[in-house]
Amino acid sequence: MYAALDLMENEEVYAIIRPEWSSQAKFVIDLGARAQVPIISFSATSPSLSPAQNNYFVRTTYDDSVQVKAIAAVVQTFGWKEVVPVYEDTDYGNGLIPYITDAFQEIDTR
């Protein structure tokens, strides 16, 4: 993260590629927006990091919300009608909850 900041302040930067984790990407995306430099990530998957909300962010992989269909399929296969999600209480963990809630509602699971 500090390397990205140093590059933006001291070099002519056209794009930053590869914030590795979603927590790093959030910081670098904010920097990219301020400096109007595209941020390209191959691995930041948090649904809270939306290219629609960040004009200078390009995600090249699916976000974590696509996994909820697979989770719902497992729940449905075992016939579970009640599930307690345990998740990280951060923007990244909280960002997935609406998607998983919707997927569980589609299979009539609370």
N, C-alpha and C. Protein backbone atom coordinates (compact mmCIF):
# COMPACT_ATOMS: atom_id res chain seq x y z
N MET A 1 0.82 -1.19 0.00
CA MET A 1 0.00 0.00 0.00
C MET A 1 0.87 1.26 0.00
N TYR A 2 1.93 1.20 0.80
CA TYR A 2 2.80 2.37 0.87
C TYR A 2 3.58 2.54 -0.44
N ALA A 3 3.87 1.42 -1.09
CA ALA A 3 4.56 1.49 -2.38
C ALA A 3 3.69 2.19 -3.41
N ALA A 4 2.39 1.91 -3.40
CA ALA A 4 1.47 2.58 -4.33
C ALA A 4 1.44 4.08 -4.06
N LEU A 5 1.37 4.45 -2.81
CA LEU A 5 1.36 5.87 -2.44
C LEU A 5 2.66 6.54 -2.88
N ASP A 6 3.78 5.89 -2.65
CA ASP A 6 5.07 6.44 -3.04
C ASP A 6 5.16 6.62 -4.55
N LEU A 7 4.70 5.64 -5.30
CA LEU A 7 4.72 5.75 -6.76
C LEU A 7 3.86 6.91 -7.25
N MET A 8 2.69 7.06 -6.68
CA MET A 8 1.79 8.12 -7.12
C MET A 8 2.34 9.50 -6.80
N GLU A 9 3.05 9.60 -5.69
CA GLU A 9 3.58 10.90 -5.29
C GLU A 9 4.88 11.25 -6.01
N ASN A 10 5.68 10.23 -6.37
CA ASN A 10 7.03 10.50 -6.85
C ASN A 10 7.31 10.08 -8.29
N GLU A 11 6.39 9.42 -8.94
CA GLU A 11 6.60 8.95 -10.31
C GLU A 11 5.37 9.28 -11.15
N GLU A 12 5.51 9.16 -12.45
CA GLU A 12 4.37 9.31 -13.35
C GLU A 12 3.73 7.93 -13.50
N VAL A 13 2.55 7.76 -12.94
CA VAL A 13 1.89 6.46 -12.89
C VAL A 13 0.68 6.48 -13.82
N TYR A 14 0.58 5.45 -14.67
CA TYR A 14 -0.54 5.35 -15.61
C TYR A 14 -1.60 4.37 -15.13
N ALA A 15 -1.21 3.39 -14.33
CA ALA A 15 -2.13 2.41 -13.75
C ALA A 15 -1.40 1.65 -12.67
N ILE A 16 -2.18 1.09 -11.74
CA ILE A 16 -1.62 0.21 -10.71
C ILE A 16 -2.31 -1.14 -10.89
N ILE A 17 -1.51 -2.18 -10.99
CA ILE A 17 -2.03 -3.52 -11.20
C ILE A 17 -1.70 -4.37 -9.97
N ARG A 18 -2.75 -5.08 -9.51
CA ARG A 18 -2.58 -6.12 -8.51
C ARG A 18 -2.59 -5.72 -7.05
N PRO A 19 -3.54 -4.96 -6.57
CA PRO A 19 -3.72 -5.00 -5.11
C PRO A 19 -4.16 -6.43 -4.78
N GLU A 20 -3.41 -7.10 -3.93
CA GLU A 20 -3.60 -8.53 -3.74
C GLU A 20 -4.85 -8.89 -2.93
N TRP A 21 -5.13 -8.17 -1.87
CA TRP A 21 -6.27 -8.48 -1.02
C TRP A 21 -7.27 -7.34 -1.08
N SER A 22 -8.51 -7.66 -0.73
CA SER A 22 -9.56 -6.64 -0.74
C SER A 22 -9.24 -5.50 0.20
N SER A 23 -8.63 -5.80 1.35
CA SER A 23 -8.29 -4.72 2.29
C SER A 23 -7.25 -3.78 1.69
N GLN A 24 -6.30 -4.30 0.93
CA GLN A 24 -5.33 -3.46 0.25
C GLN A 24 -6.01 -2.69 -0.88
N ALA A 25 -6.88 -3.36 -1.60
CA ALA A 25 -7.53 -2.74 -2.76
C ALA A 25 -8.33 -1.52 -2.35
N LYS A 26 -9.03 -1.56 -1.25
CA LYS A 26 -9.83 -0.42 -0.80
C LYS A 26 -8.97 0.83 -0.67
N PHE A 27 -7.84 0.69 -0.02
CA PHE A 27 -6.93 1.82 0.17
C PHE A 27 -6.39 2.33 -1.16
N VAL A 28 -5.94 1.40 -2.01
CA VAL A 28 -5.35 1.78 -3.29
C VAL A 28 -6.42 2.35 -4.23
N ILE A 29 -7.64 1.83 -4.19
CA ILE A 29 -8.73 2.35 -5.01
C ILE A 29 -9.01 3.80 -4.65
N ASP A 30 -9.02 4.10 -3.36
CA ASP A 30 -9.22 5.49 -2.93
C ASP A 30 -8.10 6.40 -3.45
N LEU A 31 -6.87 5.91 -3.39
CA LEU A 31 -5.75 6.69 -3.92
C LEU A 31 -5.89 6.88 -5.43
N GLY A 32 -6.26 5.82 -6.12
CA GLY A 32 -6.42 5.89 -7.56
C GLY A 32 -7.50 6.88 -7.98
N ALA A 33 -8.58 6.92 -7.23
CA ALA A 33 -9.65 7.87 -7.53
C ALA A 33 -9.17 9.30 -7.35
N ARG A 34 -8.43 9.54 -6.28
CA ARG A 34 -7.91 10.90 -6.04
C ARG A 34 -6.93 11.32 -7.13
N ALA A 35 -6.08 10.38 -7.55
CA ALA A 35 -5.05 10.70 -8.54
C ALA A 35 -5.53 10.46 -9.97
N GLN A 36 -6.74 9.93 -10.12
CA GLN A 36 -7.31 9.57 -11.42
C GLN A 36 -6.41 8.60 -12.17
N VAL A 37 -6.03 7.54 -11.45
CA VAL A 37 -5.18 6.48 -11.98
C VAL A 37 -5.96 5.16 -11.88
N PRO A 38 -6.09 4.42 -12.97
CA PRO A 38 -6.81 3.14 -12.90
C PRO A 38 -6.12 2.13 -11.99
N ILE A 39 -6.92 1.41 -11.24
CA ILE A 39 -6.45 0.34 -10.37
C ILE A 39 -7.02 -0.95 -10.95
N ILE A 40 -6.15 -1.89 -11.29
CA ILE A 40 -6.57 -3.15 -11.91
C ILE A 40 -6.23 -4.27 -10.94
N SER A 41 -7.25 -5.04 -10.54
CA SER A 41 -7.03 -6.11 -9.57
C SER A 41 -7.46 -7.45 -10.16
N PHE A 42 -6.59 -8.45 -9.97
CA PHE A 42 -6.89 -9.81 -10.39
C PHE A 42 -7.39 -10.67 -9.23
N SER A 43 -7.39 -10.11 -8.02
CA SER A 43 -7.72 -10.96 -6.87
C SER A 43 -8.60 -10.32 -5.81
N ALA A 44 -8.90 -9.03 -5.88
CA ALA A 44 -9.78 -8.40 -4.88
C ALA A 44 -11.21 -8.83 -5.18
N THR A 45 -11.80 -9.60 -4.30
CA THR A 45 -13.09 -10.25 -4.59
C THR A 45 -14.25 -9.76 -3.75
N SER A 46 -14.02 -8.86 -2.82
CA SER A 46 -15.11 -8.41 -1.94
C SER A 46 -16.18 -7.69 -2.75
N PRO A 47 -17.46 -8.06 -2.55
CA PRO A 47 -18.52 -7.36 -3.26
C PRO A 47 -18.65 -5.90 -2.82
N SER A 48 -18.05 -5.54 -1.70
CA SER A 48 -18.10 -4.14 -1.26
C SER A 48 -17.20 -3.24 -2.12
N LEU A 49 -16.33 -3.85 -2.91
CA LEU A 49 -15.47 -3.10 -3.83
C LEU A 49 -16.11 -3.16 -5.21
N SER A 50 -16.91 -2.19 -5.51
CA SER A 50 -17.69 -2.22 -6.75
C SER A 50 -17.09 -1.31 -7.81
N PRO A 51 -16.78 -1.86 -8.98
CA PRO A 51 -16.33 -1.00 -10.08
C PRO A 51 -17.39 0.04 -10.46
N ALA A 52 -18.64 -0.26 -10.23
CA ALA A 52 -19.71 0.70 -10.53
C ALA A 52 -19.63 1.93 -9.62
N GLN A 53 -19.09 1.76 -8.41
CA GLN A 53 -18.98 2.87 -7.47
C GLN A 53 -17.59 3.51 -7.47
N ASN A 54 -16.66 2.89 -8.14
CA ASN A 54 -15.28 3.38 -8.18
C ASN A 54 -14.84 3.46 -9.65
N ASN A 55 -14.91 4.64 -10.22
CA ASN A 55 -14.65 4.82 -11.64
C ASN A 55 -13.27 4.38 -12.09
N TYR A 56 -12.31 4.33 -11.18
CA TYR A 56 -10.94 3.98 -11.56
C TYR A 56 -10.56 2.56 -11.13
N PHE A 57 -11.55 1.73 -10.78
CA PHE A 57 -11.29 0.37 -10.34
C PHE A 57 -11.75 -0.62 -11.40
N VAL A 58 -10.85 -1.53 -11.77
CA VAL A 58 -11.17 -2.58 -12.73
C VAL A 58 -10.91 -3.92 -12.05
N ARG A 59 -11.96 -4.71 -11.90
CA ARG A 59 -11.82 -6.05 -11.31
C ARG A 59 -11.80 -7.05 -12.46
N THR A 60 -10.85 -7.96 -12.45
CA THR A 60 -10.74 -8.93 -13.54
C THR A 60 -11.17 -10.33 -13.12
N THR A 61 -11.76 -10.45 -11.97
CA THR A 61 -12.24 -11.74 -11.48
C THR A 61 -13.64 -11.56 -10.93
N TYR A 62 -14.35 -12.64 -10.75
CA TYR A 62 -15.67 -12.57 -10.13
C TYR A 62 -15.53 -12.13 -8.69
N ASP A 63 -16.54 -11.40 -8.20
CA ASP A 63 -16.49 -11.07 -6.78
C ASP A 63 -17.08 -12.24 -5.98
N ASP A 64 -16.91 -12.17 -4.66
CA ASP A 64 -17.32 -13.27 -3.78
C ASP A 64 -18.81 -13.57 -3.83
N SER A 65 -19.61 -12.64 -4.31
CA SER A 65 -21.06 -12.86 -4.31
C SER A 65 -21.46 -14.02 -5.23
N VAL A 66 -20.63 -14.38 -6.21
CA VAL A 66 -20.98 -15.51 -7.07
C VAL A 66 -20.91 -16.84 -6.32
N GLN A 67 -20.21 -16.87 -5.20
CA GLN A 67 -20.08 -18.10 -4.44
C GLN A 67 -21.35 -18.45 -3.67
N VAL A 68 -22.24 -17.49 -3.48
CA VAL A 68 -23.41 -17.76 -2.64
C VAL A 68 -24.34 -18.79 -3.26
N LYS A 69 -24.38 -18.86 -4.58
CA LYS A 69 -25.22 -19.89 -5.23
C LYS A 69 -24.71 -21.28 -4.87
N ALA A 70 -23.39 -21.46 -4.83
CA ALA A 70 -22.82 -22.75 -4.45
C ALA A 70 -23.12 -23.07 -2.99
N ILE A 71 -23.00 -22.07 -2.12
CA ILE A 71 -23.32 -22.28 -0.70
C ILE A 71 -24.79 -22.64 -0.54
N ALA A 72 -25.66 -21.93 -1.25
CA ALA A 72 -27.09 -22.22 -1.18
C ALA A 72 -27.39 -23.63 -1.71
N ALA A 73 -26.68 -24.06 -2.73
CA ALA A 73 -26.89 -25.40 -3.27
C ALA A 73 -26.52 -26.48 -2.24
N VAL A 74 -25.44 -26.26 -1.50
CA VAL A 74 -25.05 -27.21 -0.45
C VAL A 74 -26.13 -27.25 0.63
N VAL A 75 -26.60 -26.08 1.05
CA VAL A 75 -27.64 -26.00 2.07
C VAL A 75 -28.90 -26.72 1.60
N GLN A 76 -29.28 -26.48 0.36
CA GLN A 76 -30.49 -27.11 -0.20
C GLN A 76 -30.32 -28.63 -0.32
N THR A 77 -29.14 -29.08 -0.74
CA THR A 77 -28.89 -30.51 -0.89
C THR A 77 -29.04 -31.25 0.44
N PHE A 78 -28.56 -30.63 1.51
CA PHE A 78 -28.69 -31.26 2.82
C PHE A 78 -30.05 -31.03 3.46
N GLY A 79 -30.87 -30.20 2.85
CA GLY A 79 -32.21 -29.96 3.36
C GLY A 79 -32.27 -29.09 4.60
N TRP A 80 -31.24 -28.32 4.83
CA TRP A 80 -31.22 -27.45 6.00
C TRP A 80 -32.19 -26.30 5.79
N LYS A 81 -33.02 -26.03 6.77
CA LYS A 81 -34.01 -24.95 6.68
C LYS A 81 -33.62 -23.73 7.50
N GLU A 82 -32.65 -23.87 8.37
CA GLU A 82 -32.14 -22.74 9.14
C GLU A 82 -30.62 -22.79 9.11
N VAL A 83 -30.02 -21.63 8.85
CA VAL A 83 -28.57 -21.52 8.76
C VAL A 83 -28.14 -20.27 9.51
N VAL A 84 -27.05 -20.37 10.25
CA VAL A 84 -26.50 -19.21 10.95
C VAL A 84 -25.18 -18.85 10.27
N PRO A 85 -25.16 -17.75 9.52
CA PRO A 85 -23.89 -17.36 8.90
C PRO A 85 -22.94 -16.75 9.93
N VAL A 86 -21.71 -17.16 9.88
CA VAL A 86 -20.65 -16.59 10.72
C VAL A 86 -19.71 -15.89 9.75
N TYR A 87 -19.50 -14.60 9.98
CA TYR A 87 -18.72 -13.83 9.02
C TYR A 87 -17.90 -12.77 9.74
N GLU A 88 -16.93 -12.25 9.03
CA GLU A 88 -16.07 -11.19 9.55
C GLU A 88 -16.86 -9.88 9.58
N ASP A 89 -16.88 -9.22 10.72
CA ASP A 89 -17.64 -7.97 10.88
C ASP A 89 -16.81 -6.79 10.35
N THR A 90 -16.64 -6.78 9.03
CA THR A 90 -15.93 -5.71 8.33
C THR A 90 -16.74 -5.38 7.09
N ASP A 91 -16.31 -4.38 6.34
CA ASP A 91 -16.98 -4.07 5.08
C ASP A 91 -16.99 -5.28 4.16
N TYR A 92 -15.94 -6.07 4.21
CA TYR A 92 -15.80 -7.21 3.32
C TYR A 92 -16.73 -8.34 3.73
N GLY A 93 -16.78 -8.66 5.00
CA GLY A 93 -17.71 -9.69 5.47
C GLY A 93 -19.15 -9.25 5.36
N ASN A 94 -19.43 -8.02 5.75
CA ASN A 94 -20.80 -7.50 5.69
C ASN A 94 -21.29 -7.35 4.26
N GLY A 95 -20.39 -7.15 3.31
CA GLY A 95 -20.78 -6.98 1.92
C GLY A 95 -21.39 -8.23 1.32
N LEU A 96 -21.06 -9.39 1.84
CA LEU A 96 -21.57 -10.65 1.31
C LEU A 96 -22.94 -11.02 1.87
N ILE A 97 -23.27 -10.55 3.04
CA ILE A 97 -24.51 -10.95 3.73
C ILE A 97 -25.78 -10.72 2.89
N PRO A 98 -25.97 -9.57 2.25
CA PRO A 98 -27.20 -9.40 1.45
C PRO A 98 -27.33 -10.44 0.34
N TYR A 99 -26.22 -10.82 -0.27
CA TYR A 99 -26.25 -11.81 -1.34
C TYR A 99 -26.62 -13.19 -0.82
N ILE A 100 -26.03 -13.56 0.31
CA ILE A 100 -26.31 -14.89 0.85
C ILE A 100 -27.73 -14.95 1.41
N THR A 101 -28.20 -13.85 1.97
CA THR A 101 -29.58 -13.80 2.47
C THR A 101 -30.56 -14.01 1.31
N ASP A 102 -30.33 -13.32 0.21
CA ASP A 102 -31.19 -13.49 -0.98
C ASP A 102 -31.15 -14.92 -1.50
N ALA A 103 -29.96 -15.52 -1.54
CA ALA A 103 -29.83 -16.89 -2.03
C ALA A 103 -30.57 -17.87 -1.12
N PHE A 104 -30.51 -17.66 0.19
CA PHE A 104 -31.21 -18.52 1.12
C PHE A 104 -32.73 -18.34 1.00
N GLN A 105 -33.18 -17.14 0.77
CA GLN A 105 -34.61 -16.89 0.59
C GLN A 105 -35.13 -17.62 -0.65
N GLU A 106 -34.33 -17.67 -1.69
CA GLU A 106 -34.73 -18.36 -2.93
C GLU A 106 -34.95 -19.86 -2.71
N ILE A 107 -34.27 -20.44 -1.71
CA ILE A 107 -34.42 -21.88 -1.43
C ILE A 107 -35.23 -22.12 -0.16
N ASP A 108 -35.90 -21.08 0.30
CA ASP A 108 -36.78 -21.16 1.48
C ASP A 108 -36.02 -21.62 2.74
N THR A 109 -34.88 -20.99 2.95
CA THR A 109 -34.07 -21.26 4.15
C THR A 109 -33.89 -19.97 4.92
N ARG A 110 -34.02 -20.05 6.24
CA ARG A 110 -33.83 -18.86 7.08
C ARG A 110 -32.44 -18.88 7.66
